[in-house]
């Protein structure tokens, strides 16, 4: 079933690429020297040979690898997990490790070579992620992601609580003095409408971060580094300021 879904996604992406190039079924038929009816029938049935996909993708200006990458980027993905999915993820450090590796498009071989995980341990976690509907585990242990790279944590949910307990302090325990580091803080008096605008900008930045992650997947592993970006916004006053506020009695 997963394989059919993958083919359908590939064909859908191929159709969209042809449309973007202004190419019709008639153009495809002429380029392949077959009838237009045959082209329509092929797209309708989804019965493509690899050679035929390569030919049509080339007509749209894409290699097979580029088409597959585009199809993966366009696939609909989960934006929010259930509480049960989040809870199970953080219940097992190795499961969470494999999940993060999968989200970063690491293969089973990548994970086993970098971390102290046996192949059997890694496969067991991949099977659990498949059952949780967070990935599709394909033949030969290939991984297809079904969760958005920048999915939203449940407010106060298991993942957020896990990060607050195990990740936040470690992330912030840095001087942020490196050439590639950045630390900035802004404070001001904003209206509700301005806060909404800032929230929208933060969402855009998260999407941009995810887009750059997807783009850089084409680079060798040695050219990429695990990078964290922490975004936070809340109504806040420094404790020292709050301590100096006048009380009702003082007024």
Foldseek 3Di string as FASTA:
>chain_A
DVVVVLLLLLLVLLVVLCVVVVHDLCNLCVQVVHDSVVSVVCSVVSDDDPVSSQSSCVVSVHGPVRSSLVSLVPAAAAQEADLVLLVVLVVDVVLVVLLVCVLLVHALVRDVVPDVDDSVRSVVSVVVCVVSVQWPQDPPRHIRGRHQSLHDYDVVGNVVVCCVVPNDVVVPPDPQPDPPGDDDDDDDDDDPVVVVVVVVVVVVVSVVVSVVSSVCVVPDPVVDDDDDDDDDDDDDDPPVVVVPDDDPVND
